[in-house]
């Protein structure tokens, strides 16, 4: 579901955070579900990026499963990033952390069984990954309930990745889940990655928060594209794991 601009240019929005990803050191990206409309909302700044100072562990309002009042927001979406809303971080307020069972129920309500159901026909296979062309599509965020168990691992470059068998051929995607990296946003928490994979293998139900990157051009590519990544991994046996 995608939030569309309402009649008022300014709206007070409260979100339940279900996307929280690493960026370059010192920066994060966040998104959540509007508690009133159940549409994804990505709070963004007029200029610049969100800093780690906004994380709950650093005294800010943002964390997985936190309900946050963003204060006044202005809709700023454009295809495929239809979820963008400008806000003032100084006016954002943490309200409470959702109950684990309620959080998992909402994730189930949001989840779709295929990437096509989230992003539509504009999502294309691209070198073991998936992409959307700039200016195309109706969504850049969603929740996926994979029908086959994914495989989580750390590659030779120290990047956490996940293999999804729900695409043909399978997709090997970067995982940007902030919790799977040390505070430097570069060093993978290998023991935690292995623990999460063991839980998935044991049969624990998993839901993936998925999203498209901002457009960038790969080396030797002819154009910028939005690349699919896994933003967060949610597990039924501990939905609020941190």
Protein backbone atom coordinates (compact mmCIF):
# COMPACT_ATOMS: atom_id res chain seq x y z
CA UNK A 1 0.00 0.00 0.00
CA UNK A 2 1.23 3.50 -0.79
CA UNK A 3 0.32 6.67 1.01
CA UNK A 4 -0.95 9.39 -1.31
CA UNK A 5 -0.99 13.08 -0.52
CA UNK A 6 -4.15 14.16 1.27
CA UNK A 7 -6.08 17.37 0.92
CA UNK A 8 -3.92 19.15 3.47
CA UNK A 9 -0.31 19.84 2.40
CA UNK A 10 0.80 19.19 5.99
CA UNK A 11 -0.20 16.07 7.91
CA UNK A 12 0.65 14.70 11.34
CA UNK A 13 1.89 11.14 10.81
CA UNK A 14 2.64 8.36 13.29
CA UNK A 15 4.55 5.31 12.08
CA UNK A 16 5.44 1.88 13.42
CA UNK A 17 9.07 1.40 12.35
CA UNK A 18 9.70 -1.80 10.35
CA UNK A 19 12.60 -0.68 8.11
CA UNK A 20 15.86 0.46 9.74
CA UNK A 21 18.98 0.21 7.61
CA UNK A 22 22.66 1.04 7.65
CA UNK A 23 24.06 3.65 5.32
CA UNK A 24 27.54 5.14 5.33
CA UNK A 25 28.98 5.44 8.86
CA UNK A 26 26.97 7.99 10.80
CA UNK A 27 23.80 7.72 8.71
CA UNK A 28 20.69 5.54 8.59
CA UNK A 29 17.51 5.17 6.59
CA UNK A 30 14.17 4.48 8.26
CA UNK A 31 10.60 3.75 7.22
CA UNK A 32 7.48 2.48 8.87
CA UNK A 33 3.80 1.77 8.58
CA UNK A 34 1.36 4.64 9.06
CA UNK A 35 -0.69 3.49 12.06
CA UNK A 36 -3.86 4.97 10.57
CA UNK A 37 -3.64 3.97 6.91
CA UNK A 38 -1.27 0.94 7.03
CA UNK A 39 0.71 2.50 4.18
CA UNK A 40 4.49 2.67 4.22
CA UNK A 41 6.00 6.07 5.03
CA UNK A 42 9.68 6.99 4.66
CA UNK A 43 10.60 10.15 6.60
CA UNK A 44 13.18 12.19 4.70
CA UNK A 45 14.85 15.57 5.02
CA UNK A 46 14.61 18.44 2.53
CA UNK A 47 18.39 18.10 2.23
CA UNK A 48 20.84 15.59 3.63
CA UNK A 49 20.36 12.23 5.33
CA UNK A 50 19.20 10.96 8.71
CA UNK A 51 22.00 10.56 11.25
CA UNK A 52 22.57 7.86 13.84
CA UNK A 53 21.84 10.48 16.50
CA UNK A 54 18.16 9.76 15.78
CA UNK A 55 18.47 6.13 16.90
CA UNK A 56 16.87 5.21 20.21
CA UNK A 57 20.18 3.81 21.48
CA UNK A 58 21.63 7.31 21.02
CA UNK A 59 18.74 9.14 22.68
CA UNK A 60 16.60 9.57 19.56
CA UNK A 61 13.14 8.19 18.72
CA UNK A 62 13.93 5.53 16.08
CA UNK A 63 14.16 1.77 16.54
CA UNK A 64 12.61 -1.37 15.11
CA UNK A 65 8.99 -1.77 16.34
CA UNK A 66 8.93 1.72 17.85
CA UNK A 67 5.82 3.84 17.32
CA UNK A 68 7.02 7.33 16.45
CA UNK A 69 5.11 10.57 16.02
CA UNK A 70 6.87 12.30 13.12
CA UNK A 71 5.07 15.57 13.74
CA UNK A 72 4.03 17.67 10.73
CA UNK A 73 5.00 16.05 7.42
CA UNK A 74 4.79 17.11 3.80
CA UNK A 75 4.30 14.50 1.09
CA UNK A 76 7.32 14.31 -1.22
CA UNK A 77 6.91 11.05 -3.13
CA UNK A 78 7.81 10.37 -6.75
CA UNK A 79 7.97 7.08 -8.65
CA UNK A 80 9.02 4.64 -7.43
CA UNK A 81 9.70 6.25 -4.04
CA UNK A 82 6.06 7.05 -3.42
CA UNK A 83 6.46 6.69 0.36
CA UNK A 84 8.65 9.77 0.98
CA UNK A 85 7.43 12.38 3.48
CA UNK A 86 9.52 15.37 4.55
CA UNK A 87 9.68 15.93 8.31
CA UNK A 88 11.58 17.82 11.00
CA UNK A 89 13.58 15.40 13.19
CA UNK A 90 13.46 17.88 16.07
CA UNK A 91 9.67 17.38 16.21
CA UNK A 92 9.73 13.57 16.02
CA UNK A 93 8.81 11.80 19.28
CA UNK A 94 9.10 8.19 20.43
CA UNK A 95 5.74 7.09 21.82
CA UNK A 96 6.19 3.42 22.76
CA UNK A 97 7.53 0.08 21.56
CA UNK A 98 4.92 -2.20 20.05
CA UNK A 99 4.01 -5.48 21.72
CA UNK A 100 5.89 -8.38 20.03
CA UNK A 101 2.73 -10.30 19.12
CA UNK A 102 1.04 -7.16 17.77
CA UNK A 103 4.13 -6.27 15.77
CA UNK A 104 4.28 -9.73 14.19
CA UNK A 105 0.55 -9.57 13.41
CA UNK A 106 1.03 -6.25 11.58
CA UNK A 107 3.98 -7.64 9.61
CA UNK A 108 1.81 -10.59 8.57
CA UNK A 109 -0.94 -8.22 7.54
CA UNK A 110 1.50 -6.23 5.39
CA UNK A 111 3.38 -9.18 3.90
CA UNK A 112 2.99 -10.40 0.33
CA UNK A 113 4.11 -13.77 -1.02
CA UNK A 114 5.98 -12.45 -4.06
CA UNK A 115 8.12 -9.49 -5.05
CA UNK A 116 5.83 -8.88 -8.02
CA UNK A 117 2.92 -8.36 -5.64
CA UNK A 118 4.91 -5.61 -3.92
CA UNK A 119 6.66 -3.83 -6.78
CA UNK A 120 4.61 -4.83 -9.82
CA UNK A 121 5.81 -5.76 -13.32
CA UNK A 122 8.46 -3.02 -13.44
CA UNK A 123 10.76 -5.13 -11.23
CA UNK A 124 13.27 -6.86 -13.51
CA UNK A 125 15.95 -9.51 -13.00
CA UNK A 126 19.44 -7.98 -13.26
CA UNK A 127 22.65 -9.96 -12.71
CA UNK A 128 21.33 -12.09 -9.84
CA UNK A 129 19.47 -9.16 -8.34
CA UNK A 130 16.37 -7.14 -9.24
CA UNK A 131 16.05 -3.55 -10.40
CA UNK A 132 13.50 -0.88 -11.24
CA UNK A 133 14.17 1.84 -13.79
CA UNK A 134 14.28 5.43 -12.60
CA UNK A 135 10.84 7.04 -12.66
CA UNK A 136 8.97 3.72 -12.89
CA UNK A 137 6.83 1.84 -10.40
CA UNK A 138 4.37 2.53 -7.62
CA UNK A 139 6.32 1.44 -4.51
CA UNK A 140 9.84 1.20 -3.14
CA UNK A 141 9.07 -0.54 0.16
CA UNK A 142 7.25 -3.68 1.21
CA UNK A 143 7.19 -6.83 3.32
CA UNK A 144 7.86 -10.25 1.81
CA UNK A 145 6.84 -13.63 3.26
CA UNK A 146 9.11 -15.92 1.21
CA UNK A 147 7.57 -19.30 0.42
CA UNK A 148 11.00 -20.95 0.42
CA UNK A 149 13.48 -20.47 3.22
CA UNK A 150 16.15 -17.88 2.42
CA UNK A 151 19.86 -18.36 3.08
CA UNK A 152 21.69 -15.66 5.04
CA UNK A 153 25.48 -15.41 4.84
CA UNK A 154 28.51 -13.06 4.86
CA UNK A 155 30.38 -12.82 1.56
CA UNK A 156 34.13 -12.50 0.97
CA UNK A 157 33.91 -8.70 1.16
CA UNK A 158 32.29 -8.75 4.59
CA UNK A 159 28.81 -7.86 3.32
CA UNK A 160 25.76 -9.59 4.74
CA UNK A 161 23.71 -11.10 1.90
CA UNK A 162 20.66 -13.28 1.46
CA UNK A 163 19.68 -15.72 -1.28
CA UNK A 164 16.00 -15.78 -2.24
CA UNK A 165 14.61 -18.73 -4.17
CA UNK A 166 11.30 -16.95 -4.82
CA UNK A 167 12.67 -15.49 -8.07
CA UNK A 168 13.71 -17.35 -11.22
CA UNK A 169 16.65 -17.54 -11.23
CA UNK A 170 17.31 -17.04 -7.52
CA UNK A 171 18.37 -13.60 -6.31
CA UNK A 172 21.39 -12.81 -4.15
CA UNK A 173 20.67 -9.53 -2.37
CA UNK A 174 22.52 -7.23 0.00
CA UNK A 175 21.10 -7.06 3.53
CA UNK A 176 21.17 -3.58 5.08
CA UNK A 177 19.70 -4.54 8.49
CA UNK A 178 21.41 -2.22 10.96
CA UNK A 179 21.34 -4.87 13.70
CA UNK A 180 23.56 -7.25 11.73
CA UNK A 181 26.51 -4.81 11.72
CA UNK A 182 28.72 -3.30 14.38
CA UNK A 183 28.42 0.38 15.21
CA UNK A 184 30.84 1.25 12.41
CA UNK A 185 28.15 0.04 9.91
CA UNK A 186 30.88 -1.91 8.11
CA UNK A 187 31.83 -4.89 10.25
CA UNK A 188 29.31 -7.76 10.09
CA UNK A 189 28.25 -9.39 13.36
CA UNK A 190 29.13 -12.85 12.09
CA UNK A 191 27.93 -14.75 15.17
CA UNK A 192 24.56 -13.01 14.97
CA UNK A 193 24.26 -13.66 11.22
CA UNK A 194 24.95 -17.35 11.86
CA UNK A 195 22.42 -17.41 14.71
CA UNK A 196 19.70 -15.85 12.56
CA UNK A 197 20.42 -18.35 9.77
CA UNK A 198 20.17 -21.27 12.20
CA UNK A 199 16.78 -20.03 13.37
CA UNK A 200 15.58 -19.75 9.77
CA UNK A 201 16.85 -23.26 9.01
CA UNK A 202 15.12 -24.63 12.11
CA UNK A 203 11.76 -23.54 10.74
CA UNK A 204 11.18 -20.19 12.44
CA UNK A 205 8.83 -18.14 10.26
CA UNK A 206 10.52 -15.16 8.60
CA UNK A 207 9.24 -11.94 7.03
CA UNK A 208 11.61 -9.66 5.13
CA UNK A 209 11.33 -5.90 4.89
CA UNK A 210 12.44 -5.19 1.33
CA UNK A 211 13.18 -1.95 -0.46
CA UNK A 212 14.69 -0.25 -3.47
CA UNK A 213 17.88 1.75 -3.15
CA UNK A 214 18.14 5.32 -4.34
CA UNK A 215 19.20 5.25 -8.00
CA UNK A 216 22.84 4.58 -8.76
CA UNK A 217 24.83 3.37 -11.77
CA UNK A 218 26.82 0.19 -11.55
CA UNK A 219 30.24 0.11 -13.18
CA UNK A 220 29.92 -0.66 -16.90
CA UNK A 221 26.15 -0.06 -16.75
CA UNK A 222 24.53 2.39 -19.15
CA UNK A 223 22.05 3.94 -16.70
CA UNK A 224 21.21 4.49 -13.05
CA UNK A 225 18.76 1.99 -11.53
CA UNK A 226 17.02 1.32 -8.24
CA UNK A 227 18.40 -1.94 -6.82
CA UNK A 228 16.42 -4.31 -4.62
CA UNK A 229 17.82 -5.03 -1.15
CA UNK A 230 16.60 -6.63 2.06
CA UNK A 231 16.24 -3.94 4.67
CA UNK A 232 15.39 -6.06 7.71
CA UNK A 233 14.84 -9.65 8.77
CA UNK A 234 11.92 -10.33 11.14
CA UNK A 235 11.57 -13.65 13.00
CA UNK A 236 8.41 -14.94 14.63
CA UNK A 237 10.15 -16.38 17.70
CA UNK A 238 11.54 -12.95 18.65
CA UNK A 239 9.93 -10.20 16.55
CA UNK A 240 11.68 -7.37 18.42
CA UNK A 241 15.20 -8.80 18.37
CA UNK A 242 17.85 -6.11 18.65
